[in-house]
C-alpha atoms as a PDB file:
ATOM      1  CA  MET A   1     139.731  36.797-249.349  1.00  0.00           C
ATOM      2  CA  ARG A   2     138.412  38.938-245.998  1.00  0.00           C
ATOM      3  CA  GLN A   3     135.863  40.639-248.443  1.00  0.00           C
ATOM      4  CA  LYS A   4     134.706  37.925-249.811  1.00  0.00           C
ATOM      5  CA  MET A   5     134.081  35.877-246.386  1.00  0.00           C
ATOM      6  CA  ILE A   6     132.132  38.599-244.444  1.00  0.00           C
ATOM      7  CA  VAL A   7     130.073  38.232-247.904  1.00  0.00           C
ATOM      8  CA  LEU A   8     129.152  34.542-247.816  1.00  0.00           C
ATOM      9  CA  MET A   9     129.689  34.919-243.421  1.00  0.00           C
ATOM     10  CA  MET A  10     126.248  37.579-243.653  1.00  0.00           C
ATOM     11  CA  ALA A  11     124.440  35.236-245.850  1.00  0.00           C
ATOM     12  CA  LEU A  12     124.865  32.277-243.954  1.00  0.00           C
ATOM     13  CA  LEU A  13     123.518  34.866-240.851  1.00  0.00           C
ATOM     14  CA  LEU A  14     120.369  36.037-243.215  1.00  0.00           C
ATOM     15  CA  ALA A  15     119.737  32.162-243.718  1.00  0.00           C
ATOM     16  CA  LEU A  16     120.804  30.903-240.256  1.00  0.00           C
ATOM     17  CA  THR A  17     117.039  29.831-238.813  1.00  0.00           C
ATOM     18  CA  VAL A  18     117.562  30.198-234.658  1.00  0.00           C
ATOM     19  CA  VAL A  19     115.542  28.843-232.191  1.00  0.00           C
ATOM     20  CA  SER A  20     117.690  28.472-229.257  1.00  0.00           C
ATOM     21  CA  GLY A  21     118.335  32.218-229.224  1.00  0.00           C
ATOM     22  CA  CYS A  22     115.074  32.557-227.396  1.00  0.00           C
ATOM     23  CA  THR A  23     115.683  32.139-223.278  1.00  0.00           C
ATOM     24  CA  SER A  24     112.720  31.947-220.506  1.00  0.00           C
ATOM     25  CA  LYS A  25     112.728  35.746-220.400  1.00  0.00           C
ATOM     26  CA  GLU A  26     109.388  34.791-222.865  1.00  0.00           C
ATOM     27  CA  ALA A  27     108.519  31.725-224.181  1.00  0.00           C
ATOM     28  CA  ALA A  28     108.572  31.888-228.334  1.00  0.00           C
ATOM     29  CA  SER A  29     105.361  29.067-228.519  1.00  0.00           C
ATOM     30  CA  GLY A  30     102.667  29.454-231.736  1.00  0.00           C
ATOM     31  CA  ALA A  31     103.390  30.499-235.223  1.00  0.00           C
ATOM     32  CA  ALA A  32     105.105  33.339-235.968  1.00  0.00           C
ATOM     33  CA  GLY A  33     102.804  35.952-237.559  1.00  0.00           C
ATOM     34  CA  GLY A  34      99.593  34.571-236.931  1.00  0.00           C
ATOM     35  CA  GLY A  35      96.559  36.798-238.162  1.00  0.00           C
ATOM     36  CA  GLY A  36      93.620  37.499-236.007  1.00  0.00           C
ATOM     37  CA  ASN A  37      94.043  37.595-232.169  1.00  0.00           C
ATOM     38  CA  GLN A  38      97.603  35.862-232.475  1.00  0.00           C
ATOM     39  CA  PRO A  39     100.110  37.370-230.585  1.00  0.00           C
ATOM     40  CA  ILE A  40     103.044  39.486-232.309  1.00  0.00           C
ATOM     41  CA  LYS A  41     106.606  38.010-231.636  1.00  0.00           C
ATOM     42  CA  LEU A  42     108.464  41.194-230.955  1.00  0.00           C
ATOM     43  CA  ALA A  43     112.322  40.410-230.551  1.00  0.00           C
ATOM     44  CA  LEU A  44     114.757  42.826-228.380  1.00  0.00           C
ATOM     45  CA  SER A  45     118.671  41.926-226.863  1.00  0.00           C
ATOM     46  CA  PRO A  46     121.044  43.553-224.139  1.00  0.00           C
ATOM     47  CA  TRP A  47     120.790  47.436-225.018  1.00  0.00           C
ATOM     48  CA  PRO A  48     119.383  50.734-222.383  1.00  0.00           C
ATOM     49  CA  GLY A  49     116.605  52.063-225.097  1.00  0.00           C
ATOM     50  CA  TRP A  50     115.471  48.552-225.751  1.00  0.00           C
ATOM     51  CA  PHE A  51     114.184  47.572-222.563  1.00  0.00           C
ATOM     52  CA  VAL A  52     111.638  50.394-222.395  1.00  0.00           C
ATOM     53  CA  TRP A  53     109.568  47.252-223.820  1.00  0.00           C
ATOM     54  CA  TYR A  54     109.331  45.360-220.342  1.00  0.00           C
ATOM     55  CA  LEU A  55     108.295  48.859-219.309  1.00  0.00           C
ATOM     56  CA  VAL A  56     105.442  48.496-222.072  1.00  0.00           C
ATOM     57  CA  LYS A  57     104.623  45.488-220.856  1.00  0.00           C
ATOM     58  CA  GLU A  58     105.065  46.120-216.530  1.00  0.00           C
ATOM     59  CA  LYS A  59     102.381  48.786-216.831  1.00  0.00           C
ATOM     60  CA  GLY A  60     100.057  46.918-219.019  1.00  0.00           C
ATOM     61  CA  PHE A  61     100.355  49.077-222.461  1.00  0.00           C
ATOM     62  CA  PHE A  62      99.992  46.570-224.782  1.00  0.00           C
ATOM     63  CA  GLU A  63      96.705  45.039-223.142  1.00  0.00           C
ATOM     64  CA  LYS A  64      95.571  49.557-222.469  1.00  0.00           C
ATOM     65  CA  ASN A  65      95.870  49.390-226.666  1.00  0.00           C
ATOM     66  CA  GLY A  66      93.946  46.449-227.333  1.00  0.00           C
ATOM     67  CA  VAL A  67      97.701  44.482-229.010  1.00  0.00           C
ATOM     68  CA  ASN A  68      98.478  41.123-228.159  1.00  0.00           C
ATOM     69  CA  VAL A  69     102.671  40.956-228.063  1.00  0.00           C
ATOM     70  CA  ASP A  70     104.889  37.999-226.622  1.00  0.00           C
ATOM     71  CA  LEU A  71     108.367  39.342-225.788  1.00  0.00           C
ATOM     72  CA  VAL A  72     111.137  37.178-227.265  1.00  0.00           C
ATOM     73  CA  TRP A  73     114.237  37.716-225.603  1.00  0.00           C
ATOM     74  CA  PHE A  74     117.649  37.321-227.400  1.00  0.00           C
ATOM     75  CA  PRO A  75     120.907  37.416-225.314  1.00  0.00           C
ATOM     76  CA  VAL A  76     122.588  36.977-228.304  1.00  0.00           C
ATOM     77  CA  TYR A  77     121.822  40.150-231.259  1.00  0.00           C
ATOM     78  CA  SER A  78     122.609  38.842-234.250  1.00  0.00           C
ATOM     79  CA  ASP A  79     120.544  35.563-232.927  1.00  0.00           C
ATOM     80  CA  SER A  80     117.785  37.915-233.078  1.00  0.00           C
ATOM     81  CA  LEU A  81     118.477  39.505-236.734  1.00  0.00           C
ATOM     82  CA  SER A  82     118.536  35.344-238.399  1.00  0.00           C
ATOM     83  CA  ALA A  83     115.024  35.510-236.261  1.00  0.00           C
ATOM     84  CA  LEU A  84     113.144  37.865-238.055  1.00  0.00           C
ATOM     85  CA  ALA A  85     115.258  37.000-241.687  1.00  0.00           C
ATOM     86  CA  SER A  86     114.163  33.696-241.182  1.00  0.00           C
ATOM     87  CA  GLY A  87     110.589  34.707-239.811  1.00  0.00           C
ATOM     88  CA  LYS A  88     111.094  32.770-236.741  1.00  0.00           C
ATOM     89  CA  VAL A  89     109.566  36.894-235.156  1.00  0.00           C
ATOM     90  CA  ASP A  90     107.461  39.377-236.210  1.00  0.00           C
ATOM     91  CA  ALA A  91     109.303  41.877-235.142  1.00  0.00           C
ATOM     92  CA  ASN A  92     112.541  42.740-234.033  1.00  0.00           C
ATOM     93  CA  SER A  93     114.423  45.946-232.035  1.00  0.00           C
ATOM     94  CA  GLN A  94     117.483  46.541-234.454  1.00  0.00           C
ATOM     95  CA  THR A  95     119.837  48.858-235.641  1.00  0.00           C
ATOM     96  CA  LEU A  96     119.341  50.474-239.064  1.00  0.00           C
ATOM     97  CA  SER A  97     122.590  49.817-240.783  1.00  0.00           C
ATOM     98  CA  ASP A  98     121.899  45.530-239.525  1.00  0.00           C
ATOM     99  CA  THR A  99     118.483  46.423-242.062  1.00  0.00           C
ATOM    100  CA  LEU A 100     120.276  47.082-244.467  1.00  0.00           C
ATOM    101  CA  ALA A 101     121.703  44.151-245.481  1.00  0.00           C
ATOM    102  CA  PRO A 102     118.210  41.708-245.394  1.00  0.00           C
ATOM    103  CA  ALA A 103     116.639  44.981-247.535  1.00  0.00           C
ATOM    104  CA  SER A 104     119.226  44.451-250.350  1.00  0.00           C
ATOM    105  CA  LYS A 105     118.932  40.939-250.410  1.00  0.00           C
ATOM    106  CA  GLY A 106     115.148  41.259-251.003  1.00  0.00           C
ATOM    107  CA  ILE A 107     113.709  40.333-247.489  1.00  0.00           C
ATOM    108  CA  PRO A 108     110.508  42.453-247.067  1.00  0.00           C
ATOM    109  CA  LEU A 109     110.674  44.615-243.624  1.00  0.00           C
ATOM    110  CA  LYS A 110     109.431  47.925-242.948  1.00  0.00           C
ATOM    111  CA  ALA A 111     111.122  49.597-240.043  1.00  0.00           C
ATOM    112  CA  VAL A 112     108.408  51.806-238.298  1.00  0.00           C
ATOM    113  CA  LEU A 113     109.983  53.760-235.424  1.00  0.00           C
ATOM    114  CA  VAL A 114     112.914  54.326-234.246  1.00  0.00           C
ATOM    115  CA  ASN A 115     113.334  53.738-230.718  1.00  0.00           C
ATOM    116  CA  ASP A 116     116.930  55.956-229.803  1.00  0.00           C
ATOM    117  CA  ASN A 117     120.450  56.768-231.074  1.00  0.00           C
ATOM    118  CA  SER A 118     123.173  55.884-229.820  1.00  0.00           C
ATOM    119  CA  ASN A 119     124.768  59.173-228.059  1.00  0.00           C
ATOM    120  CA  GLY A 120     127.660  57.241-226.544  1.00  0.00           C
ATOM    121  CA  GLY A 121     126.554  53.709-225.883  1.00  0.00           C
ATOM    122  CA  ASP A 122     128.573  52.445-227.970  1.00  0.00           C
ATOM    123  CA  GLY A 123     132.107  52.563-228.223  1.00  0.00           C
ATOM    124  CA  ILE A 124     136.179  51.231-228.296  1.00  0.00           C
ATOM    125  CA  VAL A 125     137.387  50.686-225.281  1.00  0.00           C
ATOM    126  CA  VAL A 126     140.943  49.927-224.572  1.00  0.00           C
ATOM    127  CA  LYS A 127     143.834  48.573-222.442  1.00  0.00           C
ATOM    128  CA  PRO A 128     145.812  51.446-220.437  1.00  0.00           C
ATOM    129  CA  GLY A 129     149.123  52.394-222.773  1.00  0.00           C
ATOM    130  CA  ILE A 130     146.656  52.779-225.708  1.00  0.00           C
ATOM    131  CA  ASN A 131     146.460  56.619-226.468  1.00  0.00           C
ATOM    132  CA  SER A 132     145.001  57.194-230.160  1.00  0.00           C
ATOM    133  CA  LEU A 133     142.867  54.540-232.837  1.00  0.00           C
ATOM    134  CA  LYS A 134     146.452  54.865-234.837  1.00  0.00           C
ATOM    135  CA  GLU A 135     148.356  53.072-231.731  1.00  0.00           C
ATOM    136  CA  LEU A 136     145.604  50.467-232.423  1.00  0.00           C
ATOM    137  CA  LYS A 137     147.667  49.009-235.523  1.00  0.00           C
ATOM    138  CA  GLY A 138     148.396  45.410-235.312  1.00  0.00           C
ATOM    139  CA  LYS A 139     146.743  45.026-231.880  1.00  0.00           C
ATOM    140  CA  LYS A 140     143.974  42.715-230.911  1.00  0.00           C
ATOM    141  CA  VAL A 141     140.813  44.309-230.996  1.00  0.00           C
ATOM    142  CA  ALA A 142     137.328  42.102-230.649  1.00  0.00           C
ATOM    143  CA  THR A 143     133.468  43.029-232.256  1.00  0.00           C
ATOM    144  CA  GLU A 144     131.163  41.051-234.057  1.00  0.00           C
ATOM    145  CA  LEU A 145     131.387  40.448-238.044  1.00  0.00           C
ATOM    146  CA  GLY A 146     128.675  41.948-239.755  1.00  0.00           C
ATOM    147  CA  THR A 147     127.307  44.696-236.801  1.00  0.00           C
ATOM    148  CA  VAL A 148     126.919  47.551-236.086  1.00  0.00           C
ATOM    149  CA  ASP A 149     129.754  47.850-233.721  1.00  0.00           C
ATOM    150  CA  HIS A 150     131.295  45.995-236.744  1.00  0.00           C
ATOM    151  CA  LEU A 151     130.562  49.167-238.593  1.00  0.00           C
ATOM    152  CA  LEU A 152     131.721  51.437-235.732  1.00  0.00           C
ATOM    153  CA  MET A 153     135.302  50.408-235.244  1.00  0.00           C
ATOM    154  CA  LEU A 154     135.353  50.103-239.490  1.00  0.00           C
ATOM    155  CA  THR A 155     134.187  53.900-239.195  1.00  0.00           C
ATOM    156  CA  ALA A 156     137.374  54.926-236.442  1.00  0.00           C
ATOM    157  CA  LEU A 157     139.421  53.156-238.219  1.00  0.00           C
ATOM    158  CA  GLU A 158     138.871  55.127-241.406  1.00  0.00           C
ATOM    159  CA  LYS A 159     138.925  58.571-239.489  1.00  0.00           C
ATOM    160  CA  GLU A 160     142.831  57.291-238.499  1.00  0.00           C
ATOM    161  CA  GLY A 161     143.985  55.954-242.247  1.00  0.00           C
ATOM    162  CA  LEU A 162     143.531  52.875-241.123  1.00  0.00           C
ATOM    163  CA  ALA A 163     141.775  49.858-242.103  1.00  0.00           C
ATOM    164  CA  GLU A 164     140.597  46.320-241.188  1.00  0.00           C
ATOM    165  CA  LYS A 165     143.838  44.956-242.057  1.00  0.00           C
ATOM    166  CA  ASP A 166     145.707  46.696-240.452  1.00  0.00           C
ATOM    167  CA  VAL A 167     144.636  45.567-236.786  1.00  0.00           C
ATOM    168  CA  ALA A 168     144.418  41.773-235.774  1.00  0.00           C
ATOM    169  CA  TYR A 169     140.826  41.744-236.009  1.00  0.00           C
ATOM    170  CA  THR A 170     138.941  39.483-234.025  1.00  0.00           C
ATOM    171  CA  ASN A 171     135.441  38.229-234.289  1.00  0.00           C
ATOM    172  CA  MET A 172     133.551  38.184-231.140  1.00  0.00           C
ATOM    173  CA  THR A 173     130.240  38.749-229.599  1.00  0.00           C
ATOM    174  CA  VAL A 174     129.898  41.485-227.867  1.00  0.00           C
ATOM    175  CA  ASN A 175     128.542  39.164-224.929  1.00  0.00           C
ATOM    176  CA  ASP A 176     132.177  36.781-225.219  1.00  0.00           C
ATOM    177  CA  ALA A 177     134.347  40.206-225.918  1.00  0.00           C
ATOM    178  CA  GLY A 178     133.734  42.156-222.515  1.00  0.00           C
ATOM    179  CA  PRO A 179     134.644  39.446-220.553  1.00  0.00           C
ATOM    180  CA  ALA A 180     137.632  38.665-222.652  1.00  0.00           C
ATOM    181  CA  PHE A 181     138.766  42.493-222.559  1.00  0.00           C
ATOM    182  CA  ILE A 182     138.033  42.217-218.819  1.00  0.00           C
ATOM    183  CA  SER A 183     140.393  38.939-218.263  1.00  0.00           C
ATOM    184  CA  GLY A 184     143.215  40.656-220.973  1.00  0.00           C
ATOM    185  CA  ASN A 185     142.789  38.707-223.491  1.00  0.00           C
ATOM    186  CA  LEU A 186     141.783  41.834-226.203  1.00  0.00           C
ATOM    187  CA  ASP A 187     143.444  45.111-226.579  1.00  0.00           C
ATOM    188  CA  GLY A 188     140.298  46.551-227.356  1.00  0.00           C
ATOM    189  CA  ALA A 189     137.436  45.572-228.367  1.00  0.00           C
ATOM    190  CA  VAL A 190     133.983  46.922-229.722  1.00  0.00           C
ATOM    191  CA  LEU A 191     131.082  46.887-227.018  1.00  0.00           C
ATOM    192  CA  TRP A 192     127.813  48.470-226.136  1.00  0.00           C
ATOM    193  CA  GLU A 193     125.756  49.095-223.081  1.00  0.00           C
ATOM    194  CA  PRO A 194     125.386  47.305-220.803  1.00  0.00           C
ATOM    195  CA  PHE A 195     128.599  45.618-221.506  1.00  0.00           C
ATOM    196  CA  LEU A 196     130.989  48.847-222.266  1.00  0.00           C
ATOM    197  CA  SER A 197     130.628  50.090-218.852  1.00  0.00           C
ATOM    198  CA  LYS A 198     131.065  46.868-217.265  1.00  0.00           C
ATOM    199  CA  ALA A 199     134.665  46.636-219.403  1.00  0.00           C
ATOM    200  CA  ILE A 200     136.157  50.109-218.657  1.00  0.00           C
ATOM    201  CA  ALA A 201     134.723  49.448-215.014  1.00  0.00           C
ATOM    202  CA  GLU A 202     136.405  46.046-213.948  1.00  0.00           C
ATOM    203  CA  GLY A 203     139.353  45.888-217.063  1.00  0.00           C
ATOM    204  CA  LYS A 204     140.485  48.898-216.364  1.00  0.00           C
ATOM    205  CA  GLY A 205     140.029  50.635-219.958  1.00  0.00           C
ATOM    206  CA  LYS A 206     140.045  53.690-221.376  1.00  0.00           C
ATOM    207  CA  LEU A 207     136.986  54.457-223.983  1.00  0.00           C
ATOM    208  CA  LEU A 208     138.896  55.979-227.439  1.00  0.00           C
ATOM    209  CA  PHE A 209     136.164  56.363-229.471  1.00  0.00           C
ATOM    210  CA  SER A 210     132.111  55.941-229.547  1.00  0.00           C
ATOM    211  CA  SER A 211     128.785  57.087-231.113  1.00  0.00           C
ATOM    212  CA  LYS A 212     129.424  60.518-229.544  1.00  0.00           C
ATOM    213  CA  ASP A 213     132.252  61.086-231.945  1.00  0.00           C
ATOM    214  CA  THR A 214     129.410  59.995-235.377  1.00  0.00           C
ATOM    215  CA  PRO A 215     126.071  61.411-234.210  1.00  0.00           C
ATOM    216  CA  GLY A 216     122.730  60.152-235.884  1.00  0.00           C
ATOM    217  CA  LEU A 217     125.418  57.182-237.253  1.00  0.00           C
ATOM    218  CA  ILE A 218     123.341  54.275-234.719  1.00  0.00           C
ATOM    219  CA  PRO A 219     119.607  55.108-235.088  1.00  0.00           C
ATOM    220  CA  ASP A 220     117.773  51.895-233.354  1.00  0.00           C
ATOM    221  CA  LEU A 221     114.801  50.775-235.183  1.00  0.00           C
ATOM    222  CA  LEU A 222     111.464  48.640-234.799  1.00  0.00           C
ATOM    223  CA  VAL A 223     111.863  46.763-237.509  1.00  0.00           C
ATOM    224  CA  PHE A 224     108.516  44.413-238.582  1.00  0.00           C
ATOM    225  CA  LYS A 225     107.878  41.711-241.627  1.00  0.00           C
ATOM    226  CA  GLU A 226     106.158  43.657-244.542  1.00  0.00           C
ATOM    227  CA  GLU A 227     103.087  41.366-244.506  1.00  0.00           C
ATOM    228  CA  ILE A 228     102.302  42.243-240.285  1.00  0.00           C
ATOM    229  CA  THR A 229     102.468  46.114-241.410  1.00  0.00           C
ATOM    230  CA  LYS A 230     100.287  44.639-244.429  1.00  0.00           C
ATOM    231  CA  ASN A 231      97.846  42.556-243.407  1.00  0.00           C
ATOM    232  CA  ARG A 232      97.232  44.237-239.505  1.00  0.00           C
ATOM    233  CA  PRO A 233      98.583  47.625-239.588  1.00  0.00           C
ATOM    234  CA  ASP A 234      95.883  48.386-236.374  1.00  0.00           C
ATOM    235  CA  ASP A 235      98.146  46.213-234.350  1.00  0.00           C
ATOM    236  CA  VAL A 236     101.089  47.733-235.774  1.00  0.00           C
ATOM    237  CA  LYS A 237      99.510  51.320-234.534  1.00  0.00           C
ATOM    238  CA  LYS A 238      98.631  49.804-231.302  1.00  0.00           C
ATOM    239  CA  ILE A 239     102.420  48.572-230.842  1.00  0.00           C
ATOM    240  CA  LEU A 240     103.468  51.976-231.547  1.00  0.00           C
ATOM    241  CA  HIS A 241     100.796  53.828-229.208  1.00  0.00           C
ATOM    242  CA  ALA A 242     101.664  51.704-226.734  1.00  0.00           C
ATOM    243  CA  TRP A 243     105.226  52.508-226.560  1.00  0.00           C
ATOM    244  CA  PHE A 244     104.847  56.212-226.611  1.00  0.00           C
ATOM    245  CA  ASP A 245     102.547  55.597-223.398  1.00  0.00           C
ATOM    246  CA  ALA A 246     105.529  53.858-221.382  1.00  0.00           C
ATOM    247  CA  LEU A 247     107.877  57.252-222.759  1.00  0.00           C
ATOM    248  CA  ASP A 248     104.803  59.357-221.171  1.00  0.00           C
ATOM    249  CA  TYR A 249     104.588  57.493-218.349  1.00  0.00           C
ATOM    250  CA  TRP A 250     108.588  57.212-217.739  1.00  0.00           C
ATOM    251  CA  GLN A 251     108.443  61.189-217.512  1.00  0.00           C
ATOM    252  CA  ALA A 252     106.026  61.098-215.051  1.00  0.00           C
ATOM    253  CA  ASN A 253     106.981  58.287-212.813  1.00  0.00           C
ATOM    254  CA  PRO A 254     110.964  58.296-213.343  1.00  0.00           C
ATOM    255  CA  GLU A 255     112.011  56.509-210.542  1.00  0.00           C
ATOM    256  CA  GLU A 256     109.877  53.407-211.207  1.00  0.00           C
ATOM    257  CA  SER A 257     109.935  53.198-214.656  1.00  0.00           C
ATOM    258  CA  LEU A 258     114.163  53.133-213.971  1.00  0.00           C
ATOM    259  CA  GLN A 259     113.547  50.389-211.392  1.00  0.00           C
ATOM    260  CA  ILE A 260     111.307  48.678-213.417  1.00  0.00           C
ATOM    261  CA  MET A 261     113.904  48.900-216.753  1.00  0.00           C
ATOM    262  CA  ALA A 262     117.101  47.835-214.755  1.00  0.00           C
ATOM    263  CA  LYS A 263     115.193  45.241-213.239  1.00  0.00           C
ATOM    264  CA  ALA A 264     114.438  43.488-216.674  1.00  0.00           C
ATOM    265  CA  ALA A 265     118.659  44.010-217.615  1.00  0.00           C
ATOM    266  CA  GLU A 266     119.045  42.566-214.063  1.00  0.00           C
ATOM    267  CA  THR A 267     121.675  45.085-213.624  1.00  0.00           C
ATOM    268  CA  PRO A 268     121.896  47.795-210.683  1.00  0.00           C
ATOM    269  CA  LEU A 269     119.967  50.781-211.018  1.00  0.00           C
ATOM    270  CA  ASP A 270     122.880  53.498-211.427  1.00  0.00           C
ATOM    271  CA  GLU A 271     124.463  50.957-214.147  1.00  0.00           C
ATOM    272  CA  TYR A 272     121.470  51.349-215.768  1.00  0.00           C
ATOM    273  CA  LYS A 273     120.763  54.538-215.569  1.00  0.00           C
ATOM    274  CA  ALA A 274     124.590  55.345-216.848  1.00  0.00           C
ATOM    275  CA  GLY A 275     123.953  52.852-219.950  1.00  0.00           C
ATOM    276  CA  VAL A 276     120.312  55.007-220.451  1.00  0.00           C
ATOM    277  CA  ASN A 277     122.074  58.026-220.379  1.00  0.00           C
ATOM    278  CA  SER A 278     124.401  56.852-223.239  1.00  0.00           C
ATOM    279  CA  VAL A 279     121.101  56.757-225.713  1.00  0.00           C
ATOM    280  CA  LYS A 280     118.660  59.526-227.003  1.00  0.00           C
ATOM    281  CA  ILE A 281     115.501  58.088-226.430  1.00  0.00           C
ATOM    282  CA  PHE A 282     113.195  59.052-229.802  1.00  0.00           C
ATOM    283  CA  GLN A 283     109.622  60.511-228.658  1.00  0.00           C
ATOM    284  CA  LEU A 284     107.091  61.145-231.559  1.00  0.00           C
ATOM    285  CA  GLU A 285     108.257  64.279-232.674  1.00  0.00           C
ATOM    286  CA  ASP A 286     111.714  63.397-233.022  1.00  0.00           C
ATOM    287  CA  ASN A 287     110.116  60.275-234.880  1.00  0.00           C
ATOM    288  CA  ILE A 288     108.578  62.533-237.404  1.00  0.00           C
ATOM    289  CA  LYS A 289     111.610  64.237-238.248  1.00  0.00           C
ATOM    290  CA  ALA A 290     114.003  61.243-238.337  1.00  0.00           C
ATOM    291  CA  PHE A 291     111.220  60.113-240.968  1.00  0.00           C
ATOM    292  CA  GLN A 292     111.470  62.925-243.157  1.00  0.00           C
ATOM    293  CA  LYS A 293     114.192  63.236-246.431  1.00  0.00           C
ATOM    294  CA  GLY A 294     117.022  65.454-245.339  1.00  0.00           C
ATOM    295  CA  GLU A 295     121.050  66.021-246.044  1.00  0.00           C
ATOM    296  CA  THR A 296     122.051  65.160-242.862  1.00  0.00           C
ATOM    297  CA  TYR A 297     122.206  62.019-240.348  1.00  0.00           C
ATOM    298  CA  SER A 298     118.972  62.921-238.159  1.00  0.00           C
ATOM    299  CA  SER A 299     117.116  61.862-241.717  1.00  0.00           C
ATOM    300  CA  LEU A 300     116.580  58.412-241.742  1.00  0.00           C
ATOM    301  CA  HIS A 301     116.880  57.961-245.552  1.00  0.00           C
ATOM    302  CA  TYR A 302     120.232  59.816-245.525  1.00  0.00           C
ATOM    303  CA  THR A 303     122.023  58.010-242.948  1.00  0.00           C
ATOM    304  CA  SER A 304     120.737  54.784-245.107  1.00  0.00           C
ATOM    305  CA  GLN A 305     122.252  55.760-248.259  1.00  0.00           C
ATOM    306  CA  LYS A 306     125.709  56.515-246.574  1.00  0.00           C
ATOM    307  CA  THR A 307     125.636  54.016-244.458  1.00  0.00           C
ATOM    308  CA  ALA A 308     124.751  51.980-247.253  1.00  0.00           C
ATOM    309  CA  GLU A 309     127.106  53.990-249.543  1.00  0.00           C
ATOM    310  CA  PHE A 310     130.044  52.522-247.119  1.00  0.00           C
ATOM    311  CA  LEU A 311     128.973  48.972-246.713  1.00  0.00           C
ATOM    312  CA  LYS A 312     128.963  48.467-250.524  1.00  0.00           C
ATOM    313  CA  GLY A 313     132.899  49.778-250.528  1.00  0.00           C
ATOM    314  CA  LEU A 314     133.313  47.132-247.936  1.00  0.00           C
ATOM    315  CA  GLU A 315     131.107  44.766-249.921  1.00  0.00           C
ATOM    316  CA  MET A 316     129.227  44.029-247.253  1.00  0.00           C
ATOM    317  CA  LEU A 317     126.990  44.863-249.298  1.00  0.00           C
ATOM    318  CA  SER A 318     125.945  43.778-252.757  1.00  0.00           C
ATOM    319  CA  THR A 319     123.258  46.226-254.059  1.00  0.00           C
ATOM    320  CA  ILE A 320     122.261  49.742-252.049  1.00  0.00           C
ATOM    321  CA  PRO A 321     118.816  49.120-250.984  1.00  0.00           C
ATOM    322  CA  LYS A 322     116.279  52.514-251.606  1.00  0.00           C
ATOM    323  CA  ALA A 323     114.979  53.377-248.237  1.00  0.00           C
ATOM    324  CA  GLU A 324     111.971  53.876-249.323  1.00  0.00           C
ATOM    325  CA  SER A 325     111.773  49.999-249.763  1.00  0.00           C
ATOM    326  CA  PHE A 326     111.713  49.042-245.891  1.00  0.00           C
ATOM    327  CA  LEU A 327     111.750  52.531-244.559  1.00  0.00           C
ATOM    328  CA  ASP A 328     107.136  53.459-243.668  1.00  0.00           C
ATOM    329  CA  GLY A 329     107.309  56.352-241.262  1.00  0.00           C
ATOM    330  CA  HIS A 330     103.130  56.513-241.997  1.00  0.00           C
ATOM    331  CA  PHE A 331     102.839  54.920-238.986  1.00  0.00           C
ATOM    332  CA  VAL A 332     104.166  57.401-236.641  1.00  0.00           C
ATOM    333  CA  GLU A 333     102.389  59.671-238.928  1.00  0.00           C
ATOM    334  CA  GLU A 334      98.847  58.093-238.095  1.00  0.00           C
ATOM    335  CA  VAL A 335     100.080  57.788-234.508  1.00  0.00           C
ATOM    336  CA  GLN A 336     100.606  61.571-234.054  1.00  0.00           C
ATOM    337  CA  LYS A 337      97.290  62.265-235.549  1.00  0.00           C
ATOM    338  CA  GLU A 338      95.366  59.997-233.437  1.00  0.00           C
ATOM    339  CA  ARG A 339      96.977  60.847-230.204  1.00  0.00           C
ATOM    340  CA  LYS A 340      96.157  64.704-230.875  1.00  0.00           C
ATOM    341  CA  LYS A 341      92.449  63.747-230.884  1.00  0.00           C
END
């Protein structure tokens, strides 16, 4: 019954039209996906690697590359997934695993960039006194249904021979799970930065398992509606150029760049630094390698297949989408050629 409910809720999530998810960081006015110089609406949520988009904006790299982009802020990550799936935005910053569900349902999307890989930025935090994953049996653990951290929890439990039914699973957004853990209402929570560090510091929690234990499992991507990649391919490339311009600027001006991103994250600088240190930011060469086929989690194709098989086994996917249907590495290849000129 639980697995059928998961499938139904995933379908509902994808069908949901979310307008209220946008807040005042950027207004979501106008129609998404228009031609010409209509702004491309690029959504993002609280995650250290995605605040680089505010560095891109602040330093004028969109304008430098001649592309009109509106950043659309979603404080609740799952709302951004719904917004892309329902066409309310043109592109979203989201994980590979969260791209599989719409791809399996035939929603035409294209992942064109790896922003980063989680390297400790997602983790299971528990109350003092809980010292192993096996001790989570019967304990109240929260994460949001169908998200990548739900996958991380299931992966962690599977490593110890446990299943979701062995814990008192509570479906809760990361925005709610962090405060609930800090207030003592949960035995454990699966969180990402900056919520993770805050829960450990303020909730006297202990990190039990993190994405460091599953390297390559959680790639964070820029995913477009396919119609944008077809109708406005030059703008897609310009956005990627702007991204890599920002990474170059960050390398040359680390303190200023971190201050800009920390301000956008509304997080103290030292906390943001700790959060961004929990991810591996992908440079252009990293992207070229990631889009190549391989037999390890360093390949998006391999990670896609293994993650889809895992989710299908849990009945969270009805079919396994072909990686070629939604992974499009030719944009980073073209950008690489253009930046060498």
